[in-house]
Amino acid sequence: MTVNKDMVNKMLKPLTKPPHEPGNGNAARGVAVGAGIVAAAAVATGAAASPLADYAWAHRPLVISAPTAGDAALARQRALLAGEADALAERDMVVIEIVGDEAWVASGEPRSFAAEALGRHLRLPPGGFAAVLIGKDTGVKLRSNDPVSPTSLFALIDRMPMRRREMSER
């Protein structure tokens, strides 16, 4: 979210008298508007700092993390997702893998990430397997230390209000 001059002016419009005039009630409102502007700027800054910010409101990342390429849970998760490209695309999902100290997009547009920063951002357990589903709103929707079946993933996503709207519009 970018806070611009028009947004600030729209928020300040109700202040018809200077906030310091006694008895007009605008002093508290002015403080509340100011706090709202600061909060909006903080949210905007935090979103920009997220390694997954580019996916917000457009994709549902599924982040899969494992300590090594030979991890049995990683192999199982890959096998479960094999052949699900259409279903993943239909739900605007992108699969991101973190293996050891490397991270990349395993489905969708090729891209690499700073593995440590992404793992820290998602609070992934070091040295263990994890699967984390992120919603389009950037919230964590599912966190598992075991491979997750596509059936479970898709059922969870299909119950989300945003996904229901998408299905009704398509």
Foldseek 3Di string as FASTA:
>chain_A
DDDDPVNLCVLCVVCPDPLPDPPPPCVVSVVVSVVVVVVVVVVVVVLVLAQCSVLALQAKEKEKEAAAPPDPQVVVLVVLCPPCLVVRVLLRYWYWYHYRQWIWTPDDDTDTTRNVRNCVVVVPDPHAIWIWIADSNRHTQDIDRGRDHPVVVSVSSCPDPVNVVVVVVD
